[in-house]
Protein backbone atom coordinates (compact mmCIF):
# COMPACT_ATOMS: atom_id res chain seq x y z
CA UNK A 1 121.02 32.51 255.00
CA UNK A 2 119.05 32.05 251.80
CA UNK A 3 121.11 31.08 248.80
CA UNK A 4 120.80 32.97 245.55
CA UNK A 5 119.98 30.70 242.65
CA UNK A 6 121.62 31.28 239.25
CA UNK A 7 119.86 33.83 237.09
CA UNK A 8 118.52 32.92 233.67
CA UNK A 9 118.70 35.83 231.28
CA UNK A 10 118.07 35.64 227.57
CA UNK A 11 120.67 37.69 225.67
CA UNK A 12 119.56 40.95 224.12
CA UNK A 13 120.66 41.02 220.51
CA UNK A 14 120.81 44.56 219.14
CA UNK A 15 120.66 43.10 215.62
CA UNK A 16 117.13 41.92 216.41
CA UNK A 17 116.11 45.45 217.40
CA UNK A 18 117.49 46.76 214.12
CA UNK A 19 115.73 44.04 212.12
CA UNK A 20 112.44 44.64 213.94
CA UNK A 21 112.42 48.29 212.87
CA UNK A 22 113.70 47.66 209.34
CA UNK A 23 111.14 44.93 208.71
CA UNK A 24 108.12 47.00 209.70
CA UNK A 25 109.48 50.10 207.92
CA UNK A 26 110.16 48.20 204.71
CA UNK A 27 106.66 46.71 204.77
CA UNK A 28 104.64 49.81 205.61
CA UNK A 29 106.79 52.93 204.95
CA UNK A 30 108.64 52.53 201.62
CA UNK A 31 110.70 55.63 200.92
CA UNK A 32 111.72 54.60 197.40
CA UNK A 33 115.35 55.76 197.76
CA UNK A 34 117.76 54.10 195.34
CA UNK A 35 120.88 56.22 195.11
CA UNK A 36 124.39 55.09 194.23
CA UNK A 37 125.49 54.91 197.86
CA UNK A 38 122.15 55.02 199.61
CA UNK A 39 118.92 53.03 199.75
CA UNK A 40 115.94 52.74 202.09
CA UNK A 41 117.76 50.48 204.52
CA UNK A 42 120.73 52.83 204.75
CA UNK A 43 118.49 55.82 205.40
CA UNK A 44 116.59 54.02 208.15
CA UNK A 45 119.84 52.99 209.81
CA UNK A 46 121.12 56.56 209.76
CA UNK A 47 117.81 57.80 211.16
CA UNK A 48 117.92 55.14 213.88
CA UNK A 49 121.42 56.23 214.88
CA UNK A 50 120.30 59.86 215.00
CA UNK A 51 117.25 58.84 217.05
CA UNK A 52 118.96 56.79 219.75
CA UNK A 53 121.63 59.49 220.13
CA UNK A 54 119.13 62.40 219.95
CA UNK A 55 121.11 64.16 217.23
CA UNK A 56 120.51 65.55 213.76
CA UNK A 57 120.97 63.68 210.49
CA UNK A 58 124.02 65.85 209.82
CA UNK A 59 125.51 64.89 213.19
CA UNK A 60 124.92 61.18 212.55
CA UNK A 61 126.62 61.34 209.14
CA UNK A 62 129.57 63.18 210.64
CA UNK A 63 130.10 60.42 213.21
CA UNK A 64 129.50 57.39 210.98
CA UNK A 65 132.36 56.80 208.56
CA UNK A 66 130.80 54.77 205.74
CA UNK A 67 127.78 56.99 205.14
CA UNK A 68 127.07 59.72 202.59
CA UNK A 69 127.13 63.33 203.70
CA UNK A 70 124.28 64.83 205.65
CA UNK A 71 123.33 66.96 202.62
CA UNK A 72 123.00 63.85 200.46
CA UNK A 73 120.75 62.08 202.97
CA UNK A 74 118.56 65.16 203.38
CA UNK A 75 118.24 65.60 199.62
CA UNK A 76 117.05 62.01 199.23
CA UNK A 77 114.59 62.45 202.10
CA UNK A 78 113.31 65.72 200.64
CA UNK A 79 112.61 63.93 197.36
CA UNK A 80 110.89 61.03 199.14
CA UNK A 81 108.79 63.12 201.54
CA UNK A 82 106.25 65.63 200.26
CA UNK A 83 105.18 68.46 202.58
CA UNK A 84 101.77 68.89 200.98
CA UNK A 85 98.96 68.22 203.40
CA UNK A 86 97.52 65.27 201.53
CA UNK A 87 100.94 63.62 201.36
CA UNK A 88 101.51 64.19 205.07
CA UNK A 89 98.19 62.45 205.75
CA UNK A 90 99.29 59.52 203.57
CA UNK A 91 102.57 59.26 205.51
CA UNK A 92 100.55 59.33 208.72
CA UNK A 93 98.50 56.36 207.50
CA UNK A 94 101.67 54.43 206.69
CA UNK A 95 103.12 55.13 210.14
CA UNK A 96 99.89 54.01 211.80
CA UNK A 97 99.93 50.77 209.82
CA UNK A 98 103.51 50.21 210.99
CA UNK A 99 102.64 50.93 214.64
CA UNK A 100 99.67 48.59 214.55
CA UNK A 101 101.77 45.95 212.83
CA UNK A 102 104.05 45.92 215.88
CA UNK A 103 101.35 44.62 218.19
CA UNK A 104 102.40 41.21 219.53
CA UNK A 105 100.56 38.38 217.84
CA UNK A 106 99.09 37.28 221.16
CA UNK A 107 97.51 40.70 221.73
CA UNK A 108 96.35 41.05 218.12
CA UNK A 109 94.37 37.83 218.40
CA UNK A 110 92.60 39.11 221.51
CA UNK A 111 91.60 42.58 220.28
CA UNK A 112 88.02 41.53 219.63
CA UNK A 113 87.73 39.18 222.60
CA UNK A 114 88.96 41.49 225.34
CA UNK A 115 88.37 45.12 226.28
CA UNK A 116 91.45 47.31 226.46
CA UNK A 117 92.06 50.61 228.19
CA UNK A 118 93.38 53.39 225.97
CA UNK A 119 94.98 56.78 226.51
CA UNK A 120 95.01 59.81 224.25
CA UNK A 121 97.50 62.61 224.61
CA UNK A 122 99.00 65.63 222.89
CA UNK A 123 102.70 66.17 222.33
CA UNK A 124 104.10 69.52 221.22
CA UNK A 125 107.56 69.74 219.65
CA UNK A 126 108.91 73.31 219.82
CA UNK A 127 109.53 74.76 216.38
CA UNK A 128 111.68 77.80 215.62
CA UNK A 129 111.06 78.82 212.03
CA UNK A 130 108.56 79.47 209.29
CA UNK A 131 106.03 76.91 207.98
CA UNK A 132 107.09 74.95 204.91
CA UNK A 133 103.91 75.49 202.89
CA UNK A 134 100.99 76.56 205.05
CA UNK A 135 100.36 78.36 208.33
CA UNK A 136 98.22 75.35 209.31
CA UNK A 137 101.36 73.29 209.92
CA UNK A 138 102.28 75.17 213.11
CA UNK A 139 100.10 75.49 216.19
CA UNK A 140 100.35 78.16 218.86
CA UNK A 141 100.54 77.38 222.56
CA UNK A 142 102.02 78.43 225.90
CA UNK A 143 105.69 79.34 225.66
CA UNK A 144 108.14 76.44 225.93
CA UNK A 145 111.80 76.22 224.93
CA UNK A 146 111.74 79.89 223.92
CA UNK A 147 108.86 79.67 221.44
CA UNK A 148 105.08 79.61 221.23
CA UNK A 149 105.07 77.70 217.92
CA UNK A 150 104.89 73.92 217.78
CA UNK A 151 104.47 70.92 215.56
CA UNK A 152 101.74 69.06 217.46
CA UNK A 153 100.91 65.37 217.48
CA UNK A 154 98.15 63.35 219.09
CA UNK A 155 98.62 59.69 219.93
CA UNK A 156 96.50 56.79 221.08
CA UNK A 157 98.00 53.93 223.06
CA UNK A 158 96.89 50.79 224.86
CA UNK A 159 97.50 50.96 228.61
CA UNK A 160 96.10 47.63 229.72
CA UNK A 161 97.56 44.78 231.74
CA UNK A 162 100.98 46.37 232.03
CA UNK A 163 101.21 46.87 228.26
CA UNK A 164 101.75 50.19 226.59
CA UNK A 165 101.77 50.06 222.80
CA UNK A 166 101.33 53.09 220.59
CA UNK A 167 98.59 52.34 218.08
CA UNK A 168 97.95 55.64 216.30
CA UNK A 169 99.72 58.90 215.58
CA UNK A 170 98.20 61.92 213.91
CA UNK A 171 99.50 65.34 212.96
CA UNK A 172 97.41 68.09 214.54
CA UNK A 173 96.85 71.00 212.15
CA UNK A 174 96.49 74.54 213.45
CA UNK A 175 92.82 75.03 212.57
CA UNK A 176 91.69 71.65 213.92
CA UNK A 177 89.63 71.34 217.07
CA UNK A 178 90.55 68.74 219.66
CA UNK A 179 87.14 67.17 219.15
CA UNK A 180 88.01 66.52 215.49
CA UNK A 181 91.36 65.02 216.55
CA UNK A 182 89.66 62.68 219.05
CA UNK A 183 87.13 61.63 216.39
CA UNK A 184 89.97 60.78 214.00
CA UNK A 185 91.85 58.72 216.59
CA UNK A 186 88.72 56.77 217.44
CA UNK A 187 88.13 56.00 213.76
CA UNK A 188 91.71 54.79 213.43
CA UNK A 189 91.40 52.22 216.21
CA UNK A 190 87.94 51.11 215.14
CA UNK A 191 89.55 49.77 211.98
CA UNK A 192 91.32 47.30 214.27
CA UNK A 193 87.97 46.28 215.78
CA UNK A 194 89.50 47.17 219.13
CA UNK A 195 87.07 46.89 222.03
CA UNK A 196 87.60 49.80 224.40
CA UNK A 197 86.98 49.37 228.09
CA UNK A 198 87.84 52.89 229.20
CA UNK A 199 89.58 55.97 227.79
CA UNK A 200 91.98 58.24 229.67
CA UNK A 201 92.57 61.68 228.19
CA UNK A 202 94.83 64.57 229.14
CA UNK A 203 93.29 67.62 230.78
CA UNK A 204 93.87 69.55 227.53
CA UNK A 205 90.93 67.58 226.11
CA UNK A 206 88.56 68.74 228.84
CA UNK A 207 85.78 70.49 226.91
CA UNK A 208 82.17 69.98 225.93
CA UNK A 209 82.97 69.24 222.26
CA UNK A 210 85.26 66.36 223.25
CA UNK A 211 82.73 65.09 225.80
CA UNK A 212 80.08 64.95 223.08
CA UNK A 213 82.32 63.01 220.70
CA UNK A 214 83.16 60.42 223.34
CA UNK A 215 79.54 60.10 224.42
CA UNK A 216 78.42 59.71 220.80
CA UNK A 217 80.70 56.65 220.61
CA UNK A 218 79.53 55.55 224.09
CA UNK A 219 83.12 55.39 225.34
CA UNK A 220 83.59 55.45 229.12
CA UNK A 221 86.17 58.10 229.93
CA UNK A 222 88.15 59.83 232.68
CA UNK A 223 89.38 63.37 232.01
CA UNK A 224 90.89 65.58 234.73
CA UNK A 225 89.25 68.98 235.08
CA UNK A 226 91.70 71.93 235.22
CA UNK A 227 91.43 73.92 238.45
CA UNK A 228 90.83 77.57 237.76
CA UNK A 229 89.57 80.48 239.81
CA UNK A 230 90.70 82.51 242.76
CA UNK A 231 91.38 81.16 246.24
CA UNK A 232 91.01 82.97 249.50
CA UNK A 233 93.66 83.35 252.17
CA UNK A 234 92.88 79.85 253.45
CA UNK A 235 93.37 78.31 250.01
CA UNK A 236 89.66 77.68 249.45
CA UNK A 237 88.44 78.10 245.87
CA UNK A 238 85.89 80.86 245.42
CA UNK A 239 84.75 79.77 241.97
CA UNK A 240 84.94 77.01 239.39
CA UNK A 241 84.94 73.35 240.19
CA UNK A 242 87.07 74.01 243.27
CA UNK A 243 83.88 75.01 245.06
CA UNK A 244 82.99 71.33 245.18
CA UNK A 245 86.05 70.49 247.27
CA UNK A 246 84.14 70.10 250.50
CA UNK A 247 83.66 67.34 253.03
CA UNK A 248 86.00 64.54 253.99
CA UNK A 249 85.15 61.91 251.38
CA UNK A 250 85.25 61.45 247.64
CA UNK A 251 81.91 61.58 245.85
CA UNK A 252 80.13 61.82 242.50
CA UNK A 253 78.12 64.86 241.49
CA UNK A 254 77.21 66.94 238.46
CA UNK A 255 78.93 70.12 237.36
CA UNK A 256 78.03 72.77 234.78
CA UNK A 257 80.86 74.27 232.76
CA UNK A 258 80.39 77.93 231.73
CA UNK A 259 77.24 78.26 233.83
CA UNK A 260 74.89 81.13 232.95
CA UNK A 261 76.33 81.26 229.41
CA UNK A 262 74.93 79.99 226.09
CA UNK A 263 77.70 77.38 225.89
CA UNK A 264 76.87 75.91 229.32
CA UNK A 265 77.37 72.14 229.52
CA UNK A 266 76.56 69.81 232.42
CA UNK A 267 78.37 66.54 232.98
CA UNK A 268 79.09 63.99 235.69
CA UNK A 269 82.24 64.57 237.72
CA UNK A 270 84.12 62.64 240.38
CA UNK A 271 85.47 64.73 243.23
CA UNK A 272 88.36 62.79 244.75
CA UNK A 273 90.02 63.47 248.10
CA UNK A 274 93.36 61.78 248.72
CA UNK A 275 96.00 62.00 251.43
CA UNK A 276 99.65 62.16 250.43
CA UNK A 277 101.01 60.44 253.57
CA UNK A 278 104.35 62.13 253.21
CA UNK A 279 104.66 61.59 249.48
CA UNK A 280 106.51 64.42 247.71
CA UNK A 281 107.25 65.87 251.16
CA UNK A 282 103.59 66.66 251.86
CA UNK A 283 101.42 65.53 254.72
CA UNK A 284 98.02 66.85 253.77
CA UNK A 285 94.84 66.09 251.89
CA UNK A 286 94.61 66.90 248.18
CA UNK A 287 91.58 67.28 245.93
CA UNK A 288 91.20 66.22 242.30
CA UNK A 289 88.30 66.55 239.88
CA UNK A 290 87.57 64.28 236.89
CA UNK A 291 84.91 64.49 234.22
CA UNK A 292 83.55 60.95 233.93
CA UNK A 293 81.10 58.92 231.87
CA UNK A 294 79.79 55.39 232.43
CA UNK A 295 82.00 54.67 235.43
CA UNK A 296 79.29 54.72 238.10
CA UNK A 297 80.16 51.16 239.15
CA UNK A 298 83.58 52.37 240.32
CA UNK A 299 83.94 53.90 243.76
CA UNK A 300 84.92 57.59 243.50
CA UNK A 301 88.03 57.15 245.64
CA UNK A 302 89.27 54.56 243.11
CA UNK A 303 89.11 57.03 240.23
CA UNK A 304 92.44 58.57 241.23
CA UNK A 305 94.20 55.19 241.16
CA UNK A 306 92.63 54.32 237.82
CA UNK A 307 93.79 57.52 236.20
CA UNK A 308 97.32 56.92 237.47
CA UNK A 309 97.55 54.15 234.88
CA UNK A 310 97.69 56.86 232.29
CA UNK A 311 100.91 58.17 233.84
CA UNK A 312 102.63 55.45 231.84
CA UNK A 313 101.86 57.59 228.81
CA UNK A 314 103.51 60.59 230.45
CA UNK A 315 106.65 58.54 231.07
CA UNK A 316 106.29 57.22 227.53
CA UNK A 317 106.57 60.75 226.16
CA UNK A 318 109.71 61.33 228.18
CA UNK A 319 111.05 58.15 226.62
CA UNK A 320 110.00 59.34 223.16
CA UNK A 321 112.17 62.42 223.66
CA UNK A 322 115.07 60.04 224.34
CA UNK A 323 114.41 58.39 220.97
CA UNK A 324 113.53 61.33 218.74
CA UNK A 325 116.08 62.63 216.25
CA UNK A 326 116.43 66.39 216.03
CA UNK A 327 116.01 68.50 212.92
CA UNK A 328 115.77 72.15 211.95
CA UNK A 329 113.92 71.30 208.73
CA UNK A 330 110.67 73.10 207.96
CA UNK A 331 109.16 69.96 206.44
CA UNK A 332 106.19 68.67 208.50
CA UNK A 333 106.59 65.31 206.77
CA UNK A 334 110.17 64.90 208.08
CA UNK A 335 109.12 65.94 211.59
CA UNK A 336 106.28 63.42 211.45
CA UNK A 337 108.60 60.68 210.19
CA UNK A 338 111.07 61.24 213.05
CA UNK A 339 108.27 61.23 215.61
CA UNK A 340 106.87 58.03 214.09
CA UNK A 341 110.31 56.37 214.19
CA UNK A 342 110.63 57.26 217.88
CA UNK A 343 107.30 55.56 218.57
CA UNK A 344 108.33 52.51 216.53
CA UNK A 345 111.49 52.19 218.62
CA UNK A 346 109.49 52.65 221.81
CA UNK A 347 107.13 49.82 220.81
CA UNK A 348 110.15 47.57 220.21
CA UNK A 349 111.40 48.47 223.67
CA UNK A 350 108.03 47.59 225.22
CA UNK A 351 108.15 44.18 223.55
CA UNK A 352 111.69 43.59 224.83
CA UNK A 353 110.61 44.41 228.37
CA UNK A 354 108.12 41.59 228.22
CA UNK A 355 110.41 39.06 226.55
CA UNK A 356 113.90 39.72 227.91
CA UNK A 357 113.65 39.75 231.66
CA UNK A 358 116.21 38.89 234.33
CA UNK A 359 114.74 36.92 237.23
CA UNK A 360 116.84 36.43 240.35
CA UNK A 361 115.76 34.17 243.20
CA UNK A 362 116.96 34.92 246.72
CA UNK A 363 115.47 31.98 248.58
CA UNK A 364 111.76 32.72 248.62
CA UNK A 365 112.25 36.25 247.27
CA UNK A 366 112.10 37.00 243.56
CA UNK A 367 113.57 40.09 241.94
CA UNK A 368 112.68 41.04 238.37
CA UNK A 369 115.06 43.30 236.48
CA UNK A 370 113.71 44.86 233.31
CA UNK A 371 115.65 46.01 230.28
CA UNK A 372 116.31 49.76 230.51
CA UNK A 373 115.78 52.11 227.59
CA UNK A 374 119.29 53.45 228.01
CA UNK A 375 120.74 49.97 227.60
CA UNK A 376 118.69 49.39 224.48
CA UNK A 377 119.83 52.65 222.87
CA UNK A 378 123.48 51.90 223.70
CA UNK A 379 123.26 48.43 222.15
CA UNK A 380 121.65 49.71 218.96
CA UNK A 381 124.10 52.60 218.72
CA UNK A 382 127.09 50.26 219.07
CA UNK A 383 125.72 47.89 216.43
CA UNK A 384 125.37 50.72 213.91
CA UNK A 385 128.83 52.05 214.79
CA UNK A 386 130.31 48.63 214.10
CA UNK A 387 128.44 48.41 210.79
CA UNK A 388 129.39 51.85 209.48
CA UNK A 389 132.57 52.60 211.40
CA UNK A 390 133.30 55.68 213.47
CA UNK A 391 135.21 58.70 212.23
CA UNK A 392 138.14 59.38 214.62
CA UNK A 393 137.56 62.40 216.83
CA UNK A 394 140.67 64.22 215.61
CA UNK A 395 139.54 63.74 212.01
CA UNK A 396 136.03 64.97 212.75
CA UNK A 397 137.18 68.06 214.67
CA UNK A 398 140.34 68.69 212.71
CA UNK A 399 143.93 67.97 213.71
CA UNK A 400 144.46 71.61 214.70
CA UNK A 401 141.99 71.16 217.54
CA UNK A 402 144.53 68.87 219.28
CA UNK A 403 147.67 70.78 218.40
């Protein structure tokens, strides 16, 4: 029987997580709060507690004993954050500087020497209410969480070599086209002199205007093509790109969007045929279509596996929702700040996953155990509870609730 060797695990210090966020926030996102019982550091700590517990600022202040009231914190934040569009853009620039400042020094030194894969995505936060200043703050979209109104954000992240670091965040205004959003994200990363190997975009970006922007920058890309059109009784598409789902092998071809119309656009596509082999309870072949550019050296059946790297971004957004504080405020600046804080915390988590790792040896077998996001949030929550104290439950709810 193989003997298990002792494990060597570096301790995870929640104080270091707190300091990592406070340091980058103090350097790049000064709020300028200097109240009698509240300053920038206190506000960030309250926001961190609300974030890791997915609660409102009011809820955080009701649980933490040595904090001002929720109204006081919100008043200070309202004075520090301006909802005018130009001010929101300035806050966005500060958040991007903070996100880019979190890149590990080793990666920052290699930005110009190595090509990185990037992913762009959209994230809609359901919003129930009226805009703070302008109708442009709220975008419309398919119904979700009982509303068709959203505060929308676009992000750009590195997804290379097992790394996933958020580099840029931008608020998407209602009248903006996705092509303009992609152009802005590309400009943001070009300031870093980041060399891009390949870009993965969500299917929402599939459109000729976005294709043209990416081609103008000569960026290789993979974008899934939405499947539309009717299917016959055998499940065969009668129109759209589904007509290309023929044969038994993956292949490259060209496809014209909006054929026979003035806005027709022809581009290269990869038609990929995969077999599930029992995955998800299916035992059948499946077809996928991707708009591609400058990836001819890659076999078409490898396109599917390449695009799966982007799924880390999808899981990243699920993790962001575990780190985003809630608010009913109409202020787009506050919504943007809370989204930015969630991404800052997520970047810290990604760094911890690479640094704090449990390795167990079972003879010749090696098992690696990563830090979980849940564990990180619990550690940070407990640290802040020890620092501020917790209001007893009977005091928070009222003694009559237990009588």
